[in-house]
Structure formats: structure tokens, C-alpha cells
Amino acid sequence: MTEFTRVADVGDLPDPGKLLVEMDGDPVALFHVGGSFHAIDDVCTHDGGPLVDGELADHTIACPRHGAKFDIRTGAALSMPAIRATRAYDVKLEAGGIFLRLREASAGPVSQPSAAAVPAAAAPPPAASPAASTNAPTAAEPAAATAAAGGDTATGLAEQTLSEDLIREMLKEVKDPELFVNIVDLGLIYNVTIAAEPADNGRQVSIDMTMTSPACPAGPQLIADTKRAVGSHRDVGDVEVRIVMEPPWTPDRMTDAARDQLGIF
């Protein structure tokens, strides 16, 4: 196990408070809450946002970019759109200084209170991981579509009269590869436009889509899957997907179905 490294003085951090420090060249968010010190990587695992700039509430820090929340004691991801924990550090107070050491994955939290007279806080209970709920089955497609397809929803939708509502229904076949939730319920589809007159190969469909972050690694796959899903309709010719970042995506755009699937209440 690595040695502790001094990163700040105890007097640098009020209670409650947060401070950006550096540990072996990596940015670390240091917190002082309820008389105890905690530290996690200053990196949101959703899009790399700086956690120390977010809102601190008790033992929870919210990423200022998209609202993903993390437990400052364990680094656990507590809410969408983050699904992976960020790294946590053990904290030691000595001679007025704050010392950090990267916590081993199998080790429990070590955090010292700001005063020797205050008993060491017990390790917090394991935080529920949002990722654990992502394998839940998706909501059933409308019964009418299923019946029209003879049990094959995608085929049935591709044969129905083309409309914006139908396209949105078809896009529910496209799922985020990390969250396993469809892009419509995630709130990624902003606008759908169908050309009034068909071209030689069918009617053009334009889709304004956003991403949960500008550098979303799943972006190319989602764009390709969107074109494939909509292009399967018998009356569709070209499919244009435009990525827009205004207004920025937030978890508030998710439907109740997405929240239920991800265990967010």
C-alpha cells in the first residue's frame, strides 16, 4: 500500500467545506463535513467534470455539468447519468496537516475527525449502485404496435403510417449501451421533422438529438443506431441526425419509465 502524502493544512478547510488539492499529479476533491475529512478524485465518471465545483449536501457532491451525484466517503455513483464510482482516498490528520493515500479497492474508508476528542466515524453503509438496476427489463411496447407486428414490434412499426409519434416509438428500439435505457425515455430526442414531399427514395427524416455530455463515447453508436432504426421504415429515405447541445441535457428530461428502470425515485 502506498504511503500517505500531505496535501493541505487542517486550517485550510472549514466545516462544511471543499478544496481542490493534488495527489501524485491527479486532481482530488477534499471535503470537511460533520467534523470528518473525506477525499475522492475530482473527476465525474460520466464526462470528466470537476466535482469540487458542484453543490455539496451532507456527504453528497453533485457534478455541476449534468447533476450526477457521488458519495464523498466512498466515491460511489449515486445518481444518473454517472454509473461508475470515482476513486476514494484514505485521510489522515497529523501535526496540523491533511494526508491522503489512494484507497485500495477492497478496503473500507479511513477518515479522521478534525478533533481528537471526536470518535472516529463508522464506515458508511455501502451505497446502492445505480448500475445494479440497469439490467432491469425495458418497459413493454404499446400493445397496438405489437399486435400489428404479429409479435415483432420493430417490423410492425416499420409498416405503419409514418408520423412523428411513430418515429419516436421506433427510436425506443435504440438503447444507450451503458444504461440499457432507450434514447426517447432518456430525453435525448429533441425534435423530429418529416419532409412534406417524398424524394426518389422516400421521405427525409431529420432528428435533433442531444447527448448526456459533449464527449459522450457512445455518440457514434447512438447516431448509427438511430439512422438504422428510422431508416427501416418502408416510406423513409434519408435520415439526418443533428447533434445539438442546447438546451443541455439534464436528468430532468428522463421519463418516469427511465427513472423506474434505473432505480431513481
Protein backbone atom coordinates (compact mmCIF):
# COMPACT_ATOMS: atom_id res chain seq x y z
CA MET A 1 0.00 0.00 0.00
CA THR A 2 1.31 3.49 -0.87
CA GLU A 3 2.38 5.98 1.78
CA PHE A 4 0.33 8.96 2.92
CA THR A 5 1.09 12.30 1.26
CA ARG A 6 0.45 15.70 2.81
CA VAL A 7 -1.86 17.79 0.60
CA ALA A 8 -3.16 20.60 2.82
CA ASP A 9 -3.37 22.04 6.32
CA VAL A 10 -6.34 21.34 8.57
CA GLY A 11 -6.94 25.10 8.84
CA ASP A 12 -7.37 25.36 5.04
CA LEU A 13 -10.79 23.74 5.12
CA PRO A 14 -13.83 24.99 7.06
CA ASP A 15 -16.64 22.67 8.14
CA PRO A 16 -18.55 22.18 5.91
CA GLY A 17 -16.14 22.89 3.10
CA LYS A 18 -14.40 21.58 -0.01
CA LEU A 19 -11.00 22.14 -1.54
CA LEU A 20 -9.20 21.12 -4.72
CA VAL A 21 -5.82 19.55 -3.99
CA GLU A 22 -3.32 17.49 -5.98
CA MET A 23 -2.17 13.94 -5.29
CA ASP A 24 0.59 12.49 -7.46
CA GLY A 25 -0.39 14.87 -10.23
CA ASP A 26 -4.09 13.99 -10.10
CA PRO A 27 -6.81 16.47 -9.04
CA VAL A 28 -8.51 15.42 -5.81
CA ALA A 29 -11.61 16.89 -4.15
CA LEU A 30 -11.11 17.21 -0.39
CA PHE A 31 -14.13 17.63 1.90
CA HIS A 32 -14.70 18.54 5.55
CA VAL A 33 -18.20 17.57 6.71
CA GLY A 34 -19.52 16.92 10.21
CA GLY A 35 -16.05 17.05 11.73
CA SER A 36 -14.56 14.42 9.37
CA PHE A 37 -12.42 14.71 6.27
CA HIS A 38 -13.04 12.77 3.04
CA ALA A 39 -11.43 12.78 -0.40
CA ILE A 40 -12.33 11.47 -3.86
CA ASP A 41 -10.99 12.04 -7.36
CA ASP A 42 -12.15 15.40 -8.70
CA VAL A 43 -13.50 13.63 -11.77
CA CYS A 44 -17.10 12.85 -12.63
CA THR A 45 -17.05 9.39 -14.22
CA HIS A 46 -19.82 10.43 -16.60
CA ASP A 47 -17.92 13.11 -18.54
CA GLY A 48 -14.86 14.11 -16.53
CA GLY A 49 -16.45 17.17 -14.95
CA PRO A 50 -14.84 18.80 -11.86
CA LEU A 51 -16.75 17.60 -8.79
CA VAL A 52 -15.29 20.15 -6.38
CA ASP A 53 -17.19 22.88 -8.27
CA GLY A 54 -20.51 21.16 -7.57
CA GLU A 55 -23.04 21.52 -4.76
CA LEU A 56 -22.15 19.77 -1.51
CA ALA A 57 -25.06 18.46 0.57
CA ASP A 58 -24.14 16.40 3.64
CA HIS A 59 -22.00 13.58 2.21
CA THR A 60 -23.11 14.03 -1.40
CA ILE A 61 -21.44 16.10 -4.12
CA ALA A 62 -23.27 16.87 -7.38
CA CYS A 63 -21.38 17.33 -10.64
CA PRO A 64 -22.11 20.87 -11.89
CA ARG A 65 -22.39 19.74 -15.51
CA HIS A 66 -25.23 17.20 -15.51
CA GLY A 67 -26.11 16.63 -11.88
CA ALA A 68 -24.55 13.19 -11.31
CA LYS A 69 -24.12 12.65 -7.57
CA PHE A 70 -21.33 10.89 -5.69
CA ASP A 71 -20.80 9.81 -2.08
CA ILE A 72 -17.77 11.75 -0.81
CA ARG A 73 -16.97 8.96 1.67
CA THR A 74 -16.75 6.08 -0.81
CA GLY A 75 -16.77 7.64 -4.28
CA ALA A 76 -19.89 5.63 -5.17
CA ALA A 77 -22.07 6.96 -8.00
CA LEU A 78 -25.47 7.75 -6.52
CA SER A 79 -27.45 9.04 -9.48
CA MET A 80 -27.65 9.29 -13.24
CA PRO A 81 -26.01 9.97 -15.57
CA ALA A 82 -22.97 8.54 -13.74
CA ILE A 83 -22.95 4.76 -13.30
CA ARG A 84 -19.36 4.17 -12.16
CA ALA A 85 -17.71 5.15 -8.89
CA THR A 86 -14.85 7.62 -8.73
CA ARG A 87 -11.74 6.76 -6.71
CA ALA A 88 -11.69 7.43 -2.96
CA TYR A 89 -8.77 8.18 -0.64
CA ASP A 90 -7.90 7.39 2.95
CA VAL A 91 -7.41 10.51 5.06
CA LYS A 92 -5.03 11.00 7.99
CA LEU A 93 -4.55 14.10 10.19
CA GLU A 94 -1.11 14.64 11.67
CA ALA A 95 0.73 17.68 13.03
CA GLY A 96 -1.94 20.02 11.66
CA GLY A 97 -1.72 18.54 8.19
CA ILE A 98 -4.09 16.54 6.00
CA PHE A 99 -2.55 13.43 4.45
CA LEU A 100 -4.05 11.29 1.69
CA ARG A 101 -3.47 7.79 0.37
CA LEU A 102 -5.29 6.16 -2.53
CA ARG A 103 -7.67 3.61 -1.06
CA GLU A 104 -7.36 0.02 -2.18
CA ALA A 105 -10.48 -1.22 -3.94
CA SER A 106 -11.17 -3.86 -1.28
CA ALA A 107 -10.51 -1.59 1.70
CA GLY A 108 -13.10 0.30 3.70
CA PRO A 109 -12.94 4.08 4.16
CA VAL A 110 -10.44 5.62 6.58
CA SER A 111 -11.23 9.20 7.57
CA GLN A 112 -10.13 11.01 10.71
CA PRO A 113 -12.25 13.58 12.58
CA SER A 114 -10.97 17.11 12.91
CA ALA A 115 -10.63 16.87 16.70
CA ALA A 116 -9.06 14.04 18.68
CA ALA A 117 -11.92 14.17 21.18
CA VAL A 118 -14.42 13.24 18.48
CA PRO A 119 -14.72 9.45 17.99
CA ALA A 120 -13.80 8.19 14.56
CA ALA A 121 -16.87 7.94 12.35
CA ALA A 122 -18.02 4.48 11.45
CA ALA A 123 -17.66 3.46 7.87
CA PRO A 124 -20.82 4.39 5.93
CA PRO A 125 -23.07 1.64 4.64
CA PRO A 126 -22.35 0.60 1.05
CA ALA A 127 -24.11 2.91 -1.35
CA ALA A 128 -26.53 1.33 -3.77
CA SER A 129 -25.03 1.36 -7.23
CA PRO A 130 -27.27 2.71 -9.99
CA ALA A 131 -25.53 0.30 -12.34
CA ALA A 132 -27.08 -2.61 -10.48
CA SER A 133 -30.51 -1.64 -11.72
CA THR A 134 -29.61 -1.17 -15.37
CA ASN A 135 -30.29 -4.78 -16.23
CA ALA A 136 -33.98 -4.42 -15.46
CA PRO A 137 -36.27 -5.28 -18.37
CA THR A 138 -37.41 -2.39 -20.51
CA ALA A 139 -40.99 -1.21 -20.47
CA ALA A 140 -43.31 -3.09 -22.82
CA GLU A 141 -44.01 -1.51 -26.19
CA PRO A 142 -47.58 -0.42 -26.95
CA ALA A 143 -49.91 -3.34 -27.42
CA ALA A 144 -51.21 -1.99 -30.72
CA ALA A 145 -47.75 -1.97 -32.27
CA THR A 146 -47.03 -5.47 -31.05
CA ALA A 147 -50.30 -6.79 -32.42
CA ALA A 148 -49.72 -5.15 -35.79
CA ALA A 149 -46.36 -6.85 -35.98
CA GLY A 150 -47.66 -10.25 -35.03
CA GLY A 151 -45.31 -10.21 -32.06
CA ASP A 152 -42.42 -8.45 -33.85
CA THR A 153 -42.64 -4.82 -32.70
CA ALA A 154 -39.92 -3.40 -34.94
CA THR A 155 -41.35 -4.97 -38.09
CA GLY A 156 -44.86 -3.84 -37.21
CA LEU A 157 -43.83 -0.23 -36.66
CA ALA A 158 -41.98 -0.15 -39.98
CA GLU A 159 -45.26 -0.94 -41.76
CA GLN A 160 -47.44 1.68 -40.05
CA THR A 161 -48.30 5.16 -41.33
CA LEU A 162 -45.30 7.44 -41.00
CA SER A 163 -45.64 10.15 -38.34
CA GLU A 164 -43.55 11.87 -35.68
CA ASP A 165 -45.13 9.78 -32.93
CA LEU A 166 -44.36 6.61 -34.84
CA ILE A 167 -40.72 7.61 -35.32
CA ARG A 168 -40.36 8.28 -31.60
CA GLU A 169 -41.82 4.85 -30.97
CA MET A 170 -39.31 3.31 -33.36
CA LEU A 171 -36.48 5.13 -31.59
CA LYS A 172 -37.34 3.31 -28.39
CA GLU A 173 -35.55 0.39 -30.01
CA VAL A 174 -32.30 2.38 -29.66
CA LYS A 175 -30.75 1.96 -26.22
CA ASP A 176 -27.83 3.64 -24.51
CA PRO A 177 -25.10 0.95 -24.44
CA GLU A 178 -24.10 1.78 -20.85
CA LEU A 179 -27.51 2.38 -19.26
CA PHE A 180 -29.65 -0.01 -21.33
CA VAL A 181 -32.41 2.62 -21.44
CA ASN A 182 -33.88 3.80 -24.74
CA ILE A 183 -32.93 7.26 -26.02
CA VAL A 184 -36.52 8.53 -26.02
CA ASP A 185 -37.10 7.82 -22.33
CA LEU A 186 -33.65 9.23 -21.56
CA GLY A 187 -34.79 12.50 -23.11
CA LEU A 188 -32.15 12.60 -25.84
CA ILE A 189 -34.57 13.25 -28.73
CA TYR A 190 -35.44 16.94 -29.08
CA ASN A 191 -37.15 17.28 -32.45
CA VAL A 192 -38.35 15.04 -35.30
CA THR A 193 -39.12 16.56 -38.72
CA ILE A 194 -40.55 14.66 -41.68
CA ALA A 195 -40.27 16.16 -45.15
CA ALA A 196 -43.66 17.06 -46.59
CA GLU A 197 -42.85 15.64 -50.02
CA PRO A 198 -41.01 12.38 -50.68
CA ALA A 199 -37.75 12.23 -52.60
CA ASP A 200 -36.92 9.48 -55.08
CA ASN A 201 -36.01 7.07 -52.29
CA GLY A 202 -38.64 8.16 -49.76
CA ARG A 203 -39.29 10.95 -47.28
CA GLN A 204 -36.38 12.54 -45.49
CA VAL A 205 -36.47 12.48 -41.71
CA SER A 206 -34.41 14.93 -39.65
CA ILE A 207 -33.79 14.26 -35.97
CA ASP A 208 -32.34 16.68 -33.43
CA MET A 209 -30.61 14.59 -30.78
CA THR A 210 -28.54 15.55 -27.78
CA MET A 211 -26.03 13.62 -25.67
CA THR A 212 -25.65 13.41 -21.91
CA SER A 213 -22.26 15.09 -22.37
CA PRO A 214 -20.42 16.73 -25.31
CA ALA A 215 -17.78 13.97 -25.32
CA CYS A 216 -20.17 11.05 -24.83
CA PRO A 217 -18.25 7.94 -26.01
CA ALA A 218 -21.48 6.26 -27.11
CA GLY A 219 -22.31 9.10 -29.52
CA PRO A 220 -21.26 7.46 -32.82
CA GLN A 221 -23.08 4.23 -31.94
CA LEU A 222 -26.28 6.06 -30.97
CA ILE A 223 -26.24 8.06 -34.20
CA ALA A 224 -25.76 4.93 -36.31
CA ASP A 225 -28.46 3.01 -34.42
CA THR A 226 -30.86 5.95 -34.79
CA LYS A 227 -30.38 6.05 -38.57
CA ARG A 228 -30.80 2.29 -38.78
CA ALA A 229 -34.00 2.23 -36.70
CA VAL A 230 -35.75 5.07 -38.55
CA GLY A 231 -34.40 4.04 -41.96
CA SER A 232 -36.08 0.66 -41.60
CA HIS A 233 -39.49 2.23 -42.27
CA ARG A 234 -40.79 1.48 -45.74
CA ASP A 235 -41.52 5.17 -46.52
CA VAL A 236 -38.28 6.68 -45.18
CA GLY A 237 -35.45 7.68 -47.49
CA ASP A 238 -32.57 9.64 -45.97
CA VAL A 239 -32.22 10.03 -42.21
CA GLU A 240 -30.36 13.09 -40.93
CA VAL A 241 -29.24 13.15 -37.29
CA ARG A 242 -28.17 16.53 -35.95
CA ILE A 243 -26.41 16.66 -32.58
CA VAL A 244 -27.44 19.70 -30.56
CA MET A 245 -26.22 20.64 -27.11
CA GLU A 246 -28.68 23.47 -26.38
CA PRO A 247 -30.52 23.23 -24.15
CA PRO A 248 -28.05 20.94 -22.36
CA TRP A 249 -29.33 17.56 -21.24
CA THR A 250 -30.17 17.10 -17.55
CA PRO A 251 -31.66 14.13 -15.66
CA ASP A 252 -34.94 16.06 -15.50
CA ARG A 253 -35.52 15.17 -19.15
CA MET A 254 -35.92 11.48 -18.34
CA THR A 255 -39.38 9.94 -18.29
CA ASP A 256 -40.80 8.16 -15.25
CA ALA A 257 -40.23 4.88 -17.07
CA ALA A 258 -36.49 5.61 -17.33
CA ARG A 259 -36.32 6.62 -13.68
CA ASP A 260 -38.07 3.43 -12.62
CA GLN A 261 -35.74 1.32 -14.74
CA LEU A 262 -32.67 2.98 -13.24
CA GLY A 263 -33.99 2.91 -9.70
CA ILE A 264 -34.14 6.72 -9.38
CA PHE A 265 -37.00 7.94 -7.23
